[in-house]
Amino acid sequence: GTIGPVEAAIRTKLEQALNPEVLELRNESGGHAVPPGSETHFRVAVVSSRFEGLSPLQRHRLVHAALSEELAGPVHALAIQARTPAQWKENPQLDMSPPCLGGNKKTRGT
């Protein structure tokens, strides 16, 4: 598929901020209750030596800092896999997100 401007910005900013060995980015917006062509839901795997010695929370904070503009605007959801090169070597794949339930609590009856 076509890479949109939000996806391109995410990729560029993560490359600049973290110099990743692996950067896998998936636009999962199509699986959610959003208009076609949306760029609101993403999953990313970032493999960087910058993550060595950092907790998962510290790693996520680095990703969030790099993408603060996108997270404040068009991006509604971002699933992050932030791994060191050694961790990626043990399990080199991007996880799958569960299917979207759609709607909100009112429409789901909870």
N, C-alpha and C. Protein backbone atom coordinates (compact mmCIF):
# COMPACT_ATOMS: atom_id res chain seq x y z
N GLY A 1 0.81 -1.20 0.00
CA GLY A 1 0.00 0.00 0.00
C GLY A 1 0.85 1.26 0.00
N THR A 2 0.17 2.35 -0.13
CA THR A 2 0.82 3.65 -0.16
C THR A 2 1.17 4.10 1.25
N ILE A 3 2.34 4.69 1.37
CA ILE A 3 2.76 5.24 2.66
C ILE A 3 2.27 6.67 2.75
N GLY A 4 1.52 6.97 3.80
CA GLY A 4 0.99 8.30 3.99
C GLY A 4 1.97 9.21 4.69
N PRO A 5 1.62 10.49 4.80
CA PRO A 5 2.54 11.47 5.42
C PRO A 5 2.79 11.22 6.90
N VAL A 6 1.81 10.73 7.64
CA VAL A 6 2.01 10.47 9.07
C VAL A 6 2.97 9.29 9.23
N GLU A 7 2.75 8.23 8.47
CA GLU A 7 3.63 7.07 8.54
C GLU A 7 5.06 7.45 8.16
N ALA A 8 5.20 8.26 7.12
CA ALA A 8 6.53 8.71 6.69
C ALA A 8 7.21 9.54 7.78
N ALA A 9 6.45 10.40 8.45
CA ALA A 9 7.01 11.22 9.53
C ALA A 9 7.45 10.36 10.70
N ILE A 10 6.63 9.36 11.05
CA ILE A 10 6.98 8.46 12.15
C ILE A 10 8.30 7.76 11.84
N ARG A 11 8.40 7.23 10.63
CA ARG A 11 9.61 6.51 10.23
C ARG A 11 10.84 7.43 10.31
N THR A 12 10.74 8.62 9.75
CA THR A 12 11.86 9.55 9.72
C THR A 12 12.29 9.95 11.13
N LYS A 13 11.33 10.27 11.98
CA LYS A 13 11.65 10.73 13.33
C LYS A 13 12.27 9.62 14.17
N LEU A 14 11.79 8.40 14.03
CA LEU A 14 12.38 7.29 14.79
C LEU A 14 13.78 6.97 14.30
N GLU A 15 13.99 7.05 12.99
CA GLU A 15 15.33 6.82 12.44
C GLU A 15 16.31 7.86 12.96
N GLN A 16 15.89 9.13 12.98
CA GLN A 16 16.77 10.19 13.45
C GLN A 16 17.04 10.10 14.95
N ALA A 17 16.02 9.80 15.74
CA ALA A 17 16.15 9.81 17.19
C ALA A 17 16.87 8.58 17.75
N LEU A 18 16.65 7.41 17.12
CA LEU A 18 17.11 6.17 17.73
C LEU A 18 18.12 5.38 16.90
N ASN A 19 18.38 5.80 15.66
CA ASN A 19 19.31 5.11 14.79
C ASN A 19 19.11 3.59 14.87
N PRO A 20 17.89 3.13 14.56
CA PRO A 20 17.58 1.71 14.77
C PRO A 20 18.26 0.78 13.77
N GLU A 21 18.58 -0.42 14.25
CA GLU A 21 19.07 -1.48 13.37
C GLU A 21 17.90 -2.06 12.59
N VAL A 22 16.73 -2.11 13.23
CA VAL A 22 15.51 -2.60 12.60
C VAL A 22 14.41 -1.61 12.96
N LEU A 23 13.61 -1.25 11.95
CA LEU A 23 12.44 -0.42 12.18
C LEU A 23 11.32 -0.97 11.32
N GLU A 24 10.36 -1.61 11.98
CA GLU A 24 9.19 -2.13 11.27
C GLU A 24 7.99 -1.33 11.74
N LEU A 25 7.26 -0.80 10.77
CA LEU A 25 6.13 0.05 11.07
C LEU A 25 4.92 -0.45 10.29
N ARG A 26 3.82 -0.63 11.00
CA ARG A 26 2.60 -1.12 10.35
C ARG A 26 1.46 -0.16 10.68
N ASN A 27 0.79 0.35 9.63
CA ASN A 27 -0.41 1.16 9.80
C ASN A 27 -1.58 0.19 9.97
N GLU A 28 -2.14 0.14 11.17
CA GLU A 28 -3.25 -0.78 11.46
C GLU A 28 -4.59 -0.06 11.45
N SER A 29 -4.63 1.14 10.92
CA SER A 29 -5.86 1.94 10.94
C SER A 29 -7.00 1.26 10.22
N GLY A 30 -6.72 0.52 9.16
CA GLY A 30 -7.75 -0.15 8.39
C GLY A 30 -8.55 -1.16 9.19
N GLY A 31 -8.00 -1.64 10.30
CA GLY A 31 -8.70 -2.60 11.13
C GLY A 31 -9.54 -1.95 12.22
N HIS A 32 -9.69 -0.64 12.14
CA HIS A 32 -10.44 0.09 13.16
C HIS A 32 -11.57 0.88 12.54
N ALA A 33 -12.44 1.39 13.35
CA ALA A 33 -13.61 2.13 12.89
C ALA A 33 -13.22 3.57 12.53
N VAL A 34 -12.42 3.69 11.46
CA VAL A 34 -11.98 4.99 10.97
C VAL A 34 -12.19 5.04 9.47
N PRO A 35 -12.23 6.22 8.88
CA PRO A 35 -12.40 6.32 7.42
C PRO A 35 -11.25 5.66 6.66
N PRO A 36 -11.51 5.16 5.47
CA PRO A 36 -10.44 4.58 4.63
C PRO A 36 -9.32 5.59 4.44
N GLY A 37 -8.09 5.10 4.46
CA GLY A 37 -6.93 5.96 4.25
C GLY A 37 -6.45 6.67 5.51
N SER A 38 -7.07 6.37 6.65
CA SER A 38 -6.69 7.02 7.91
C SER A 38 -5.30 6.58 8.35
N GLU A 39 -4.66 7.44 9.13
CA GLU A 39 -3.38 7.14 9.74
C GLU A 39 -3.48 7.46 11.23
N THR A 40 -4.19 6.59 11.94
CA THR A 40 -4.49 6.85 13.34
C THR A 40 -3.98 5.76 14.27
N HIS A 41 -3.81 4.55 13.77
CA HIS A 41 -3.42 3.40 14.60
C HIS A 41 -2.17 2.75 13.99
N PHE A 42 -1.10 2.67 14.78
CA PHE A 42 0.15 2.10 14.28
C PHE A 42 0.73 1.12 15.27
N ARG A 43 1.53 0.20 14.74
CA ARG A 43 2.35 -0.71 15.54
C ARG A 43 3.76 -0.57 15.01
N VAL A 44 4.72 -0.47 15.94
CA VAL A 44 6.10 -0.29 15.54
C VAL A 44 7.01 -1.21 16.35
N ALA A 45 8.00 -1.76 15.67
CA ALA A 45 9.09 -2.48 16.33
C ALA A 45 10.34 -1.66 16.06
N VAL A 46 10.99 -1.25 17.13
CA VAL A 46 12.22 -0.47 17.04
C VAL A 46 13.31 -1.25 17.74
N VAL A 47 14.38 -1.55 17.01
CA VAL A 47 15.51 -2.28 17.58
C VAL A 47 16.70 -1.34 17.55
N SER A 48 17.16 -0.98 18.75
CA SER A 48 18.23 0.01 18.83
C SER A 48 19.15 -0.27 19.99
N SER A 49 20.43 -0.05 19.80
CA SER A 49 21.39 -0.18 20.90
C SER A 49 21.18 0.92 21.93
N ARG A 50 20.43 1.97 21.57
CA ARG A 50 20.09 3.04 22.54
C ARG A 50 19.25 2.49 23.69
N PHE A 51 18.62 1.33 23.50
CA PHE A 51 17.76 0.74 24.53
C PHE A 51 18.53 -0.10 25.55
N GLU A 52 19.82 -0.32 25.30
CA GLU A 52 20.62 -1.14 26.22
C GLU A 52 20.57 -0.53 27.62
N GLY A 53 20.25 -1.36 28.62
CA GLY A 53 20.25 -0.92 30.00
C GLY A 53 19.04 -0.10 30.42
N LEU A 54 18.08 0.10 29.52
CA LEU A 54 16.88 0.87 29.84
C LEU A 54 15.70 -0.06 30.12
N SER A 55 14.84 0.36 31.02
CA SER A 55 13.62 -0.40 31.31
C SER A 55 12.66 -0.24 30.14
N PRO A 56 11.65 -1.12 30.05
CA PRO A 56 10.64 -0.94 29.00
C PRO A 56 9.99 0.45 29.04
N LEU A 57 9.72 0.95 30.22
CA LEU A 57 9.12 2.28 30.33
C LEU A 57 10.04 3.36 29.78
N GLN A 58 11.33 3.29 30.10
CA GLN A 58 12.29 4.27 29.58
C GLN A 58 12.39 4.20 28.06
N ARG A 59 12.32 3.00 27.52
CA ARG A 59 12.37 2.83 26.06
C ARG A 59 11.15 3.46 25.41
N HIS A 60 9.97 3.20 25.98
CA HIS A 60 8.73 3.77 25.43
C HIS A 60 8.76 5.29 25.51
N ARG A 61 9.34 5.82 26.59
CA ARG A 61 9.44 7.27 26.72
C ARG A 61 10.29 7.87 25.61
N LEU A 62 11.36 7.19 25.23
CA LEU A 62 12.19 7.67 24.12
C LEU A 62 11.39 7.71 22.82
N VAL A 63 10.62 6.66 22.57
CA VAL A 63 9.79 6.62 21.36
C VAL A 63 8.74 7.72 21.41
N HIS A 64 8.08 7.87 22.54
CA HIS A 64 7.06 8.91 22.69
C HIS A 64 7.65 10.30 22.51
N ALA A 65 8.85 10.53 23.03
CA ALA A 65 9.49 11.84 22.88
C ALA A 65 9.76 12.14 21.40
N ALA A 66 10.21 11.13 20.67
CA ALA A 66 10.50 11.33 19.24
C ALA A 66 9.23 11.62 18.45
N LEU A 67 8.09 11.08 18.91
CA LEU A 67 6.84 11.19 18.16
C LEU A 67 5.81 12.07 18.88
N SER A 68 6.25 12.99 19.70
CA SER A 68 5.32 13.80 20.50
C SER A 68 4.32 14.56 19.64
N GLU A 69 4.76 15.07 18.51
CA GLU A 69 3.85 15.82 17.63
C GLU A 69 2.75 14.93 17.05
N GLU A 70 3.13 13.74 16.60
CA GLU A 70 2.16 12.81 16.02
C GLU A 70 1.19 12.30 17.08
N LEU A 71 1.70 12.02 18.28
CA LEU A 71 0.85 11.50 19.35
C LEU A 71 -0.10 12.57 19.89
N ALA A 72 0.25 13.83 19.73
CA ALA A 72 -0.62 14.93 20.16
C ALA A 72 -1.67 15.25 19.11
N GLY A 73 -1.47 14.71 17.90
CA GLY A 73 -2.38 15.04 16.82
C GLY A 73 -3.04 13.84 16.19
N PRO A 74 -2.53 13.45 15.02
CA PRO A 74 -3.26 12.44 14.24
C PRO A 74 -3.23 11.02 14.76
N VAL A 75 -2.22 10.65 15.54
CA VAL A 75 -2.09 9.25 15.97
C VAL A 75 -2.88 9.03 17.25
N HIS A 76 -3.84 8.13 17.15
CA HIS A 76 -4.71 7.78 18.28
C HIS A 76 -4.12 6.65 19.11
N ALA A 77 -3.46 5.69 18.45
CA ALA A 77 -2.92 4.53 19.15
C ALA A 77 -1.59 4.13 18.54
N LEU A 78 -0.63 3.82 19.43
CA LEU A 78 0.69 3.39 18.99
C LEU A 78 1.14 2.23 19.87
N ALA A 79 1.23 1.05 19.28
CA ALA A 79 1.74 -0.13 19.99
C ALA A 79 3.25 -0.18 19.73
N ILE A 80 4.03 -0.30 20.79
CA ILE A 80 5.48 -0.20 20.67
C ILE A 80 6.14 -1.49 21.14
N GLN A 81 7.03 -2.01 20.31
CA GLN A 81 7.97 -3.06 20.70
C GLN A 81 9.34 -2.42 20.61
N ALA A 82 9.95 -2.13 21.74
CA ALA A 82 11.25 -1.49 21.80
C ALA A 82 12.25 -2.49 22.35
N ARG A 83 13.12 -2.97 21.48
CA ARG A 83 14.03 -4.05 21.87
C ARG A 83 15.48 -3.71 21.57
N THR A 84 16.35 -4.37 22.31
CA THR A 84 17.78 -4.29 22.01
C THR A 84 18.06 -5.25 20.85
N PRO A 85 19.20 -5.10 20.20
CA PRO A 85 19.53 -6.05 19.12
C PRO A 85 19.53 -7.51 19.59
N ALA A 86 20.01 -7.77 20.80
CA ALA A 86 20.03 -9.15 21.31
C ALA A 86 18.62 -9.68 21.52
N GLN A 87 17.73 -8.84 22.04
CA GLN A 87 16.34 -9.26 22.24
C GLN A 87 15.66 -9.53 20.90
N TRP A 88 15.91 -8.73 19.91
CA TRP A 88 15.30 -8.91 18.59
C TRP A 88 15.81 -10.20 17.95
N LYS A 89 17.08 -10.51 18.17
CA LYS A 89 17.65 -11.73 17.60
C LYS A 89 16.94 -12.97 18.15
N GLU A 90 16.50 -12.89 19.42
CA GLU A 90 15.78 -14.00 20.04
C GLU A 90 14.37 -14.16 19.48
N ASN A 91 13.73 -13.06 19.10
CA ASN A 91 12.35 -13.08 18.60
C ASN A 91 12.17 -11.97 17.57
N PRO A 92 12.59 -12.21 16.32
CA PRO A 92 12.59 -11.15 15.31
C PRO A 92 11.28 -11.00 14.54
N GLN A 93 10.23 -10.64 15.25
CA GLN A 93 8.97 -10.44 14.53
C GLN A 93 8.13 -9.38 15.20
N LEU A 94 7.34 -8.72 14.38
CA LEU A 94 6.41 -7.70 14.84
C LEU A 94 5.15 -8.39 15.32
N ASP A 95 4.75 -8.13 16.56
CA ASP A 95 3.55 -8.74 17.11
C ASP A 95 2.31 -8.30 16.34
N MET A 96 1.24 -9.03 16.51
CA MET A 96 -0.04 -8.69 15.89
C MET A 96 -0.94 -8.06 16.94
N SER A 97 -1.70 -7.06 16.54
CA SER A 97 -2.67 -6.45 17.45
C SER A 97 -3.96 -7.26 17.43
N PRO A 98 -4.68 -7.27 18.54
CA PRO A 98 -5.98 -7.96 18.54
C PRO A 98 -6.97 -7.21 17.66
N PRO A 99 -8.01 -7.87 17.20
CA PRO A 99 -9.00 -7.18 16.38
C PRO A 99 -9.69 -6.07 17.16
N CYS A 100 -10.01 -5.01 16.45
CA CYS A 100 -10.69 -3.87 17.06
C CYS A 100 -12.13 -4.24 17.39
N LEU A 101 -12.57 -3.84 18.57
CA LEU A 101 -13.96 -4.07 18.96
C LEU A 101 -14.86 -2.97 18.41
N GLY A 102 -14.27 -1.87 18.00
CA GLY A 102 -15.02 -0.77 17.41
C GLY A 102 -15.83 0.00 18.43
N GLY A 103 -16.23 1.18 18.05
CA GLY A 103 -17.11 1.98 18.89
C GLY A 103 -16.46 2.41 20.19
N ASN A 104 -17.30 2.65 21.18
CA ASN A 104 -16.84 3.02 22.49
C ASN A 104 -17.63 2.25 23.53
N LYS A 105 -17.44 2.57 24.79
CA LYS A 105 -18.12 1.80 25.85
C LYS A 105 -19.63 1.87 25.72
N LYS A 106 -20.15 3.00 25.30
CA LYS A 106 -21.60 3.12 25.16
C LYS A 106 -22.15 2.19 24.10
N THR A 107 -21.43 2.06 22.98
CA THR A 107 -21.93 1.21 21.89
C THR A 107 -21.68 -0.27 22.15
N ARG A 108 -20.76 -0.59 23.07
CA ARG A 108 -20.48 -2.00 23.40
C ARG A 108 -21.33 -2.47 24.56
N GLY A 109 -22.10 -1.57 25.15
CA GLY A 109 -22.99 -1.96 26.23
C GLY A 109 -22.33 -2.17 27.56
N THR A 110 -21.14 -1.57 27.77
CA THR A 110 -20.46 -1.72 29.07
C THR A 110 -20.41 -0.42 29.81
